[in-house]
Amino acid sequence: MHQPGSLEIITGSMFCGKTEELIRRLRRATIAKKNVQVFKPSIDDRYAIETVTSHNGLKFNAQPIHKAADVFDILSQDTSVVAFDEAQFFDEEIISIAQDLADK
């Protein structure tokens, strides 16, 4: 049976805790035994290349990608939670890709 997905967006000004909230939600999904994949723009190398890192030092593993469509090349079949950090750095296609992933 197909379960409908959802799309959640975390917004706010700089230094307001968006990445910290994302990591909190990802940890909860992991505790719930969901398969999680996190993607970040490859140009975001402020703290680390393969982690999403909050300003207060919380970390979660992530895969850097150049453009939003690259997600389809590395997305696992059993992934049930897909997260994008710093979505503003991706191309406009991120919108339709996020909706497509939620629909699947």
Protein backbone atom coordinates (compact mmCIF):
# COMPACT_ATOMS: atom_id res chain seq x y z
CA MET A 1 0.00 0.00 0.00
CA HIS A 2 1.36 3.41 -0.98
CA GLN A 3 1.53 5.95 1.82
CA PRO A 4 1.43 9.60 0.83
CA GLY A 5 4.57 11.57 1.55
CA SER A 6 4.90 15.07 2.82
CA LEU A 7 7.12 18.05 2.24
CA GLU A 8 8.42 20.05 5.20
CA ILE A 9 10.30 23.31 4.84
CA ILE A 10 12.29 24.91 7.63
CA THR A 11 12.69 28.65 7.09
CA GLY A 12 14.06 31.57 9.03
CA SER A 13 16.75 34.19 9.16
CA MET A 14 20.45 33.50 9.47
CA PHE A 15 21.59 32.02 12.80
CA CYS A 16 18.03 31.20 13.93
CA GLY A 17 18.59 27.43 14.20
CA LYS A 18 17.31 26.05 10.87
CA THR A 19 20.08 23.47 10.51
CA GLU A 20 19.83 22.54 14.18
CA GLU A 21 16.10 21.88 13.67
CA LEU A 22 16.81 19.85 10.53
CA ILE A 23 19.33 17.70 12.43
CA ARG A 24 16.84 17.24 15.29
CA ARG A 25 14.21 15.95 12.85
CA LEU A 26 16.71 13.69 11.09
CA ARG A 27 17.80 12.16 14.40
CA ARG A 28 14.16 11.48 15.31
CA ALA A 29 13.62 9.79 11.94
CA THR A 30 16.71 7.66 12.52
CA ILE A 31 15.50 6.67 16.00
CA ALA A 32 12.19 5.69 14.37
CA LYS A 33 14.20 3.30 12.15
CA LYS A 34 13.50 5.23 8.97
CA ASN A 35 16.06 5.17 6.18
CA VAL A 36 17.37 8.71 5.85
CA GLN A 37 19.48 10.37 3.16
CA VAL A 38 20.67 13.95 3.44
CA PHE A 39 21.96 16.07 0.60
CA LYS A 40 23.75 19.38 0.65
CA PRO A 41 25.13 21.65 -2.08
CA SER A 42 28.73 20.81 -2.89
CA ILE A 43 29.63 24.52 -2.68
CA ASP A 44 28.77 24.54 1.04
CA ASP A 45 32.08 23.54 2.58
CA ARG A 46 31.99 25.90 5.56
CA TYR A 47 32.36 23.22 8.24
CA ALA A 48 32.76 19.93 6.41
CA ILE A 49 32.16 18.46 2.98
CA GLU A 50 30.18 15.36 3.98
CA THR A 51 28.19 16.59 6.97
CA VAL A 52 25.43 19.06 7.63
CA THR A 53 26.72 21.08 10.58
CA SER A 54 24.90 23.63 12.71
CA HIS A 55 26.58 26.73 14.11
CA ASN A 56 26.60 25.13 17.56
CA GLY A 57 28.43 22.03 16.28
CA LEU A 58 25.66 19.45 15.78
CA LYS A 59 26.44 17.21 12.79
CA PHE A 60 24.65 14.75 10.53
CA ASN A 61 26.16 12.85 7.59
CA ALA A 62 25.25 14.24 4.18
CA GLN A 63 26.12 13.70 0.55
CA PRO A 64 27.30 16.75 -1.39
CA ILE A 65 25.71 17.19 -4.83
CA HIS A 66 26.26 19.79 -7.56
CA LYS A 67 22.68 20.16 -8.76
CA ALA A 68 19.33 19.03 -7.44
CA ALA A 69 18.81 16.32 -10.09
CA ASP A 70 21.99 14.56 -8.90
CA VAL A 71 19.89 13.20 -6.04
CA PHE A 72 18.37 10.61 -8.39
CA ASP A 73 21.81 9.14 -9.16
CA ILE A 74 22.47 8.25 -5.52
CA LEU A 75 19.07 7.91 -3.88
CA SER A 76 18.56 4.45 -2.38
CA GLN A 77 15.36 2.55 -3.13
CA ASP A 78 14.67 2.01 0.57
CA THR A 79 15.07 5.65 1.60
CA SER A 80 11.96 7.03 3.25
CA VAL A 81 13.26 10.41 4.43
CA VAL A 82 15.12 12.74 2.06
CA ALA A 83 16.53 16.01 3.34
CA PHE A 84 18.18 18.93 1.58
CA ASP A 85 20.21 21.46 3.54
CA GLU A 86 20.74 24.99 2.20
CA ALA A 87 18.19 24.53 -0.60
CA GLN A 88 18.70 28.11 -1.79
CA PHE A 89 22.07 27.07 -3.24
CA PHE A 90 20.48 24.50 -5.58
CA ASP A 91 19.03 25.26 -8.99
CA GLU A 92 15.32 26.01 -9.40
CA GLU A 93 14.66 22.37 -10.24
CA ILE A 94 14.84 21.61 -6.48
CA ILE A 95 11.17 22.60 -6.22
CA SER A 96 9.83 20.00 -8.65
CA ILE A 97 12.29 17.38 -7.41
CA ALA A 98 11.22 17.83 -3.79
CA GLN A 99 7.56 17.55 -4.81
CA ASP A 100 8.29 14.46 -6.91
CA LEU A 101 10.09 12.81 -4.00
CA ALA A 102 7.20 13.60 -1.65
CA ASP A 103 4.75 12.12 -4.14
CA LYS A 104 6.72 8.87 -4.27
